[in-house]
């Protein structure tokens, strides 16, 4: 695997881990979105596109919805 591809995959994994952990620590989507934006800014992640073709901008809403849907199902 090339160095650039390995670097991008590492960034994607780190961002994914951060996004999922931040979801549980946020009370609103706006707070969550702000944390993700700050993380991307601090880590110089500008245009990360996931392997399935979604971008960081399009997928955080999906993560938020999935996390809280699962959370509510577990409690209900």
PDB file of N, CA and C in Angstrom:
ATOM      1  N   UNK A   1       0.857  -1.173   0.000  1.00  0.00           N
ATOM      2  CA  UNK A   1       0.000   0.000   0.000  1.00  0.00           C
ATOM      3  C   UNK A   1       0.900   1.232   0.000  1.00  0.00           C
ATOM      4  N   UNK A   2       0.518   2.230  -0.749  1.00  0.00           N
ATOM      5  CA  UNK A   2       1.291   3.456  -0.820  1.00  0.00           C
ATOM      6  C   UNK A   2       1.197   4.267   0.460  1.00  0.00           C
ATOM      7  N   UNK A   3       2.178   5.107   0.643  1.00  0.00           N
ATOM      8  CA  UNK A   3       2.213   5.935   1.857  1.00  0.00           C
ATOM      9  C   UNK A   3       1.024   6.872   1.957  1.00  0.00           C
ATOM     10  N   UNK A   4       0.653   7.485   0.848  1.00  0.00           N
ATOM     11  CA  UNK A   4      -0.459   8.438   0.875  1.00  0.00           C
ATOM     12  C   UNK A   4      -1.767   7.721   1.216  1.00  0.00           C
ATOM     13  N   UNK A   5      -1.984   6.573   0.608  1.00  0.00           N
ATOM     14  CA  UNK A   5      -3.203   5.813   0.887  1.00  0.00           C
ATOM     15  C   UNK A   5      -3.232   5.391   2.356  1.00  0.00           C
ATOM     16  N   UNK A   6      -2.120   4.946   2.884  1.00  0.00           N
ATOM     17  CA  UNK A   6      -2.045   4.548   4.291  1.00  0.00           C
ATOM     18  C   UNK A   6      -2.325   5.735   5.200  1.00  0.00           C
ATOM     19  N   UNK A   7      -1.794   6.897   4.858  1.00  0.00           N
ATOM     20  CA  UNK A   7      -2.016   8.098   5.651  1.00  0.00           C
ATOM     21  C   UNK A   7      -3.504   8.483   5.645  1.00  0.00           C
ATOM     22  N   UNK A   8      -4.129   8.423   4.491  1.00  0.00           N
ATOM     23  CA  UNK A   8      -5.544   8.768   4.374  1.00  0.00           C
ATOM     24  C   UNK A   8      -6.397   7.779   5.152  1.00  0.00           C
ATOM     25  N   UNK A   9      -6.053   6.510   5.086  1.00  0.00           N
ATOM     26  CA  UNK A   9      -6.816   5.513   5.823  1.00  0.00           C
ATOM     27  C   UNK A   9      -6.659   5.710   7.334  1.00  0.00           C
ATOM     28  N   UNK A  10      -5.471   6.086   7.781  1.00  0.00           N
ATOM     29  CA  UNK A  10      -5.255   6.383   9.199  1.00  0.00           C
ATOM     30  C   UNK A  10      -6.074   7.590   9.634  1.00  0.00           C
ATOM     31  N   UNK A  11      -6.088   8.644   8.810  1.00  0.00           N
ATOM     32  CA  UNK A  11      -6.890   9.831   9.118  1.00  0.00           C
ATOM     33  C   UNK A  11      -8.367   9.479   9.202  1.00  0.00           C
ATOM     34  N   UNK A  12      -8.826   8.660   8.271  1.00  0.00           N
ATOM     35  CA  UNK A  12     -10.229   8.255   8.253  1.00  0.00           C
ATOM     36  C   UNK A  12     -10.575   7.481   9.521  1.00  0.00           C
ATOM     37  N   UNK A  13      -9.716   6.564   9.923  1.00  0.00           N
ATOM     38  CA  UNK A  13      -9.973   5.780  11.132  1.00  0.00           C
ATOM     39  C   UNK A  13      -9.977   6.660  12.381  1.00  0.00           C
ATOM     40  N   UNK A  14      -9.020   7.574  12.471  1.00  0.00           N
ATOM     41  CA  UNK A  14      -8.960   8.475  13.621  1.00  0.00           C
ATOM     42  C   UNK A  14     -10.194   9.371  13.679  1.00  0.00           C
ATOM     43  N   UNK A  15     -10.596   9.897  12.540  1.00  0.00           N
ATOM     44  CA  UNK A  15     -11.790  10.742  12.494  1.00  0.00           C
ATOM     45  C   UNK A  15     -13.027   9.934  12.865  1.00  0.00           C
ATOM     46  N   UNK A  16     -13.133   8.728  12.343  1.00  0.00           N
ATOM     47  CA  UNK A  16     -14.270   7.880  12.649  1.00  0.00           C
ATOM     48  C   UNK A  16     -14.360   7.604  14.148  1.00  0.00           C
ATOM     49  N   UNK A  17     -13.244   7.287  14.770  1.00  0.00           N
ATOM     50  CA  UNK A  17     -13.221   7.051  16.214  1.00  0.00           C
ATOM     51  C   UNK A  17     -13.634   8.302  16.982  1.00  0.00           C
ATOM     52  N   UNK A  18     -13.127   9.446  16.553  1.00  0.00           N
ATOM     53  CA  UNK A  18     -13.473  10.698  17.213  1.00  0.00           C
ATOM     54  C   UNK A  18     -14.962  11.007  17.065  1.00  0.00           C
ATOM     55  N   UNK A  19     -15.483  10.836  15.864  1.00  0.00           N
ATOM     56  CA  UNK A  19     -16.891  11.146  15.595  1.00  0.00           C
ATOM     57  C   UNK A  19     -17.803  10.301  16.480  1.00  0.00           C
ATOM     58  N   UNK A  20     -17.563   9.012  16.545  1.00  0.00           N
ATOM     59  CA  UNK A  20     -18.431   8.147  17.341  1.00  0.00           C
ATOM     60  C   UNK A  20     -18.310   8.440  18.828  1.00  0.00           C
ATOM     61  N   UNK A  21     -17.103   8.728  19.310  1.00  0.00           N
ATOM     62  CA  UNK A  21     -16.959   9.022  20.738  1.00  0.00           C
ATOM     63  C   UNK A  21     -17.556  10.386  21.079  1.00  0.00           C
ATOM     64  N   UNK A  22     -17.455  11.343  20.175  1.00  0.00           N
ATOM     65  CA  UNK A  22     -18.007  12.679  20.412  1.00  0.00           C
ATOM     66  C   UNK A  22     -19.522  12.672  20.412  1.00  0.00           C
ATOM     67  N   UNK A  23     -20.094  11.760  19.680  1.00  0.00           N
ATOM     68  CA  UNK A  23     -21.556  11.675  19.595  1.00  0.00           C
ATOM     69  C   UNK A  23     -22.153  11.452  20.982  1.00  0.00           C
ATOM     70  N   UNK A  24     -21.553  10.562  21.744  1.00  0.00           N
ATOM     71  CA  UNK A  24     -22.089  10.248  23.068  1.00  0.00           C
ATOM     72  C   UNK A  24     -21.842  11.363  24.074  1.00  0.00           C
ATOM     73  N   UNK A  25     -20.910  12.241  23.769  1.00  0.00           N
ATOM     74  CA  UNK A  25     -20.562  13.332  24.675  1.00  0.00           C
ATOM     75  C   UNK A  25     -21.279  14.635  24.356  1.00  0.00           C
ATOM     76  N   UNK A  26     -22.117  14.626  23.343  1.00  0.00           N
ATOM     77  CA  UNK A  26     -22.797  15.841  22.898  1.00  0.00           C
ATOM     78  C   UNK A  26     -24.289  15.750  23.174  1.00  0.00           C
ATOM     79  N   UNK A  27     -24.857  16.868  23.601  1.00  0.00           N
ATOM     80  CA  UNK A  27     -26.287  16.889  23.894  1.00  0.00           C
ATOM     81  C   UNK A  27     -27.128  17.330  22.703  1.00  0.00           C
ATOM     82  N   UNK A  28     -26.531  18.053  21.773  1.00  0.00           N
ATOM     83  CA  UNK A  28     -27.253  18.500  20.585  1.00  0.00           C
ATOM     84  C   UNK A  28     -26.413  18.223  19.344  1.00  0.00           C
ATOM     85  N   UNK A  29     -27.085  18.187  18.198  1.00  0.00           N
ATOM     86  CA  UNK A  29     -26.357  17.987  16.946  1.00  0.00           C
ATOM     87  C   UNK A  29     -25.407  19.146  16.682  1.00  0.00           C
ATOM     88  N   UNK A  30     -25.816  20.361  17.014  1.00  0.00           N
ATOM     89  CA  UNK A  30     -24.959  21.534  16.786  1.00  0.00           C
ATOM     90  C   UNK A  30     -23.667  21.437  17.598  1.00  0.00           C
ATOM     91  N   UNK A  31     -23.779  20.988  18.840  1.00  0.00           N
ATOM     92  CA  UNK A  31     -22.586  20.807  19.675  1.00  0.00           C
ATOM     93  C   UNK A  31     -21.677  19.737  19.062  1.00  0.00           C
ATOM     94  N   UNK A  32     -22.266  18.642  18.644  1.00  0.00           N
ATOM     95  CA  UNK A  32     -21.536  17.550  18.012  1.00  0.00           C
ATOM     96  C   UNK A  32     -20.840  18.021  16.738  1.00  0.00           C
ATOM     97  N   UNK A  33     -21.581  18.734  15.896  1.00  0.00           N
ATOM     98  CA  UNK A  33     -21.026  19.240  14.641  1.00  0.00           C
ATOM     99  C   UNK A  33     -19.857  20.187  14.910  1.00  0.00           C
ATOM    100  N   UNK A  34     -19.972  21.019  15.949  1.00  0.00           N
ATOM    101  CA  UNK A  34     -18.893  21.930  16.314  1.00  0.00           C
ATOM    102  C   UNK A  34     -17.641  21.190  16.743  1.00  0.00           C
ATOM    103  N   UNK A  35     -17.815  20.109  17.497  1.00  0.00           N
ATOM    104  CA  UNK A  35     -16.665  19.308  17.927  1.00  0.00           C
ATOM    105  C   UNK A  35     -15.957  18.674  16.735  1.00  0.00           C
ATOM    106  N   UNK A  36     -16.753  18.146  15.801  1.00  0.00           N
ATOM    107  CA  UNK A  36     -16.172  17.517  14.614  1.00  0.00           C
ATOM    108  C   UNK A  36     -15.447  18.562  13.767  1.00  0.00           C
ATOM    109  N   UNK A  37     -16.059  19.717  13.622  1.00  0.00           N
ATOM    110  CA  UNK A  37     -15.432  20.785  12.839  1.00  0.00           C
ATOM    111  C   UNK A  37     -14.120  21.222  13.478  1.00  0.00           C
ATOM    112  N   UNK A  38     -14.115  21.377  14.790  1.00  0.00           N
ATOM    113  CA  UNK A  38     -12.896  21.771  15.497  1.00  0.00           C
ATOM    114  C   UNK A  38     -11.812  20.704  15.336  1.00  0.00           C
ATOM    115  N   UNK A  39     -12.200  19.442  15.454  1.00  0.00           N
ATOM    116  CA  UNK A  39     -11.240  18.346  15.288  1.00  0.00           C
ATOM    117  C   UNK A  39     -10.630  18.379  13.887  1.00  0.00           C
ATOM    118  N   UNK A  40     -11.471  18.558  12.881  1.00  0.00           N
ATOM    119  CA  UNK A  40     -10.984  18.603  11.500  1.00  0.00           C
ATOM    120  C   UNK A  40     -10.051  19.792  11.282  1.00  0.00           C
ATOM    121  N   UNK A  41     -10.381  20.933  11.876  1.00  0.00           N
ATOM    122  CA  UNK A  41      -9.538  22.116  11.749  1.00  0.00           C
ATOM    123  C   UNK A  41      -8.190  21.888  12.422  1.00  0.00           C
ATOM    124  N   UNK A  42      -8.223  21.378  13.644  1.00  0.00           N
ATOM    125  CA  UNK A  42      -6.986  21.149  14.397  1.00  0.00           C
ATOM    126  C   UNK A  42      -6.100  20.093  13.751  1.00  0.00           C
ATOM    127  N   UNK A  43      -6.698  19.149  13.043  1.00  0.00           N
ATOM    128  CA  UNK A  43      -5.940  18.066  12.416  1.00  0.00           C
ATOM    129  C   UNK A  43      -5.775  18.247  10.911  1.00  0.00           C
ATOM    130  N   UNK A  44      -6.129  19.446  10.424  1.00  0.00           N
ATOM    131  CA  UNK A  44      -5.960  19.806   9.018  1.00  0.00           C
ATOM    132  C   UNK A  44      -6.654  18.816   8.073  1.00  0.00           C
ATOM    133  N   UNK A  45      -7.851  18.406   8.446  1.00  0.00           N
ATOM    134  CA  UNK A  45      -8.645  17.524   7.599  1.00  0.00           C
ATOM    135  C   UNK A  45      -9.672  18.407   6.902  1.00  0.00           C
ATOM    136  N   UNK A  46      -9.501  18.567   5.608  1.00  0.00           N
ATOM    137  CA  UNK A  46     -10.369  19.489   4.870  1.00  0.00           C
ATOM    138  C   UNK A  46     -11.400  18.774   4.025  1.00  0.00           C
ATOM    139  N   UNK A  47     -10.984  17.811   3.269  1.00  0.00           N
ATOM    140  CA  UNK A  47     -11.895  17.161   2.325  1.00  0.00           C
ATOM    141  C   UNK A  47     -11.703  15.655   2.391  1.00  0.00           C
ATOM    142  N   UNK A  48     -12.105  15.081   3.493  1.00  0.00           N
ATOM    143  CA  UNK A  48     -11.969  13.638   3.631  1.00  0.00           C
ATOM    144  C   UNK A  48     -13.220  12.966   3.103  1.00  0.00           C
ATOM    145  N   UNK A  49     -13.029  12.048   2.195  1.00  0.00           N
ATOM    146  CA  UNK A  49     -14.135  11.276   1.642  1.00  0.00           C
ATOM    147  C   UNK A  49     -13.928   9.834   2.072  1.00  0.00           C
ATOM    148  N   UNK A  50     -14.968   9.250   2.649  1.00  0.00           N
ATOM    149  CA  UNK A  50     -14.882   7.869   3.110  1.00  0.00           C
ATOM    150  C   UNK A  50     -14.908   6.890   1.943  1.00  0.00           C
ATOM    151  N   UNK A  51     -14.533   5.658   2.228  1.00  0.00           N
ATOM    152  CA  UNK A  51     -14.455   4.632   1.192  1.00  0.00           C
ATOM    153  C   UNK A  51     -15.794   4.394   0.500  1.00  0.00           C
ATOM    154  N   UNK A  52     -16.897   4.621   1.206  1.00  0.00           N
ATOM    155  CA  UNK A  52     -18.207   4.393   0.581  1.00  0.00           C
ATOM    156  C   UNK A  52     -18.687   5.593  -0.225  1.00  0.00           C
ATOM    157  N   UNK A  53     -17.839   6.612  -0.367  1.00  0.00           N
ATOM    158  CA  UNK A  53     -18.177   7.759  -1.196  1.00  0.00           C
ATOM    159  C   UNK A  53     -18.802   8.917  -0.449  1.00  0.00           C
ATOM    160  N   UNK A  54     -19.137   8.742   0.832  1.00  0.00           N
ATOM    161  CA  UNK A  54     -19.701   9.850   1.593  1.00  0.00           C
ATOM    162  C   UNK A  54     -18.575  10.719   2.126  1.00  0.00           C
ATOM    163  N   UNK A  55     -18.887  11.969   2.341  1.00  0.00           N
ATOM    164  CA  UNK A  55     -17.876  12.882   2.873  1.00  0.00           C
ATOM    165  C   UNK A  55     -18.135  13.125   4.345  1.00  0.00           C
ATOM    166  N   UNK A  56     -17.182  13.767   5.001  1.00  0.00           N
ATOM    167  CA  UNK A  56     -17.346  14.073   6.418  1.00  0.00           C
ATOM    168  C   UNK A  56     -18.573  14.950   6.626  1.00  0.00           C
ATOM    169  N   UNK A  57     -18.867  15.816   5.710  1.00  0.00           N
ATOM    170  CA  UNK A  57     -20.013  16.711   5.863  1.00  0.00           C
ATOM    171  C   UNK A  57     -21.339  15.974   5.789  1.00  0.00           C
ATOM    172  N   UNK A  58     -21.423  15.019   4.889  1.00  0.00           N
ATOM    173  CA  UNK A  58     -22.684  14.317   4.701  1.00  0.00           C
ATOM    174  C   UNK A  58     -22.934  13.217   5.706  1.00  0.00           C
ATOM    175  N   UNK A  59     -21.889  12.677   6.265  1.00  0.00           N
ATOM    176  CA  UNK A  59     -22.083  11.492   7.085  1.00  0.00           C
ATOM    177  C   UNK A  59     -22.234  11.759   8.575  1.00  0.00           C
ATOM    178  N   UNK A  60     -21.864  12.931   9.071  1.00  0.00           N
ATOM    179  CA  UNK A  60     -21.985  13.135  10.517  1.00  0.00           C
ATOM    180  C   UNK A  60     -23.443  13.176  10.958  1.00  0.00           C
ATOM    181  N   UNK A  61     -24.325  13.655  10.120  1.00  0.00           N
ATOM    182  CA  UNK A  61     -25.754  13.643  10.454  1.00  0.00           C
ATOM    183  C   UNK A  61     -26.245  12.195  10.549  1.00  0.00           C
ATOM    184  N   UNK A  62     -25.756  11.350   9.646  1.00  0.00           N
ATOM    185  CA  UNK A  62     -26.122   9.937   9.682  1.00  0.00           C
ATOM    186  C   UNK A  62     -25.603   9.270  10.955  1.00  0.00           C
ATOM    187  N   UNK A  63     -24.379   9.584  11.338  1.00  0.00           N
ATOM    188  CA  UNK A  63     -23.803   9.024  12.565  1.00  0.00           C
ATOM    189  C   UNK A  63     -24.622   9.463  13.767  1.00  0.00           C
ATOM    190  N   UNK A  64     -24.951  10.754  13.820  1.00  0.00           N
ATOM    191  CA  UNK A  64     -25.746  11.286  14.924  1.00  0.00           C
ATOM    192  C   UNK A  64     -27.080  10.549  15.027  1.00  0.00           C
ATOM    193  N   UNK A  65     -27.769  10.436  13.919  1.00  0.00           N
ATOM    194  CA  UNK A  65     -29.075   9.774  13.912  1.00  0.00           C
ATOM    195  C   UNK A  65     -28.961   8.301  14.303  1.00  0.00           C
ATOM    196  N   UNK A  66     -27.971   7.612  13.779  1.00  0.00           N
ATOM    197  CA  UNK A  66     -27.801   6.195  14.089  1.00  0.00           C
ATOM    198  C   UNK A  66     -27.450   5.990  15.564  1.00  0.00           C
ATOM    199  N   UNK A  67     -26.534   6.807  16.080  1.00  0.00           N
ATOM    200  CA  UNK A  67     -26.134   6.666  17.476  1.00  0.00           C
ATOM    201  C   UNK A  67     -27.332   6.850  18.406  1.00  0.00           C
ATOM    202  N   UNK A  68     -28.063   7.937  18.242  1.00  0.00           N
ATOM    203  CA  UNK A  68     -29.166   8.225  19.148  1.00  0.00           C
ATOM    204  C   UNK A  68     -30.353   7.298  18.916  1.00  0.00           C
ATOM    205  N   UNK A  69     -30.526   6.801  17.723  1.00  0.00           N
ATOM    206  CA  UNK A  69     -31.572   5.814  17.470  1.00  0.00           C
ATOM    207  C   UNK A  69     -31.258   4.522  18.225  1.00  0.00           C
ATOM    208  N   UNK A  70     -30.014   4.072  18.140  1.00  0.00           N
ATOM    209  CA  UNK A  70     -29.599   2.873  18.872  1.00  0.00           C
ATOM    210  C   UNK A  70     -29.695   3.091  20.376  1.00  0.00           C
ATOM    211  N   UNK A  71     -29.304   4.259  20.828  1.00  0.00           N
ATOM    212  CA  UNK A  71     -29.377   4.579  22.250  1.00  0.00           C
ATOM    213  C   UNK A  71     -30.812   4.515  22.755  1.00  0.00           C
ATOM    214  N   UNK A  72     -31.721   5.086  22.006  1.00  0.00           N
ATOM    215  CA  UNK A  72     -33.138   5.084  22.402  1.00  0.00           C
ATOM    216  C   UNK A  72     -33.737   3.675  22.358  1.00  0.00           C
ATOM    217  N   UNK A  73     -33.300   2.866  21.417  1.00  0.00           N
ATOM    218  CA  UNK A  73     -33.799   1.497  21.316  1.00  0.00           C
ATOM    219  C   UNK A  73     -33.325   0.670  22.521  1.00  0.00           C
ATOM    220  N   UNK A  74     -32.100   0.905  22.970  1.00  0.00           N
ATOM    221  CA  UNK A  74     -31.563   0.179  24.107  1.00  0.00           C
ATOM    222  C   UNK A  74     -32.277   0.570  25.406  1.00  0.00           C
ATOM    223  N   UNK A  75     -32.681   1.814  25.501  1.00  0.00           N
ATOM    224  CA  UNK A  75     -33.353   2.292  26.710  1.00  0.00           C
ATOM    225  C   UNK A  75     -34.838   1.966  26.717  1.00  0.00           C
ATOM    226  N   UNK A  76     -35.410   1.786  25.534  1.00  0.00           N
ATOM    227  CA  UNK A  76     -36.850   1.650  25.409  1.00  0.00           C
ATOM    228  C   UNK A  76     -37.332   0.281  25.534  1.00  0.00           C
TER     229      UNK A  76
END
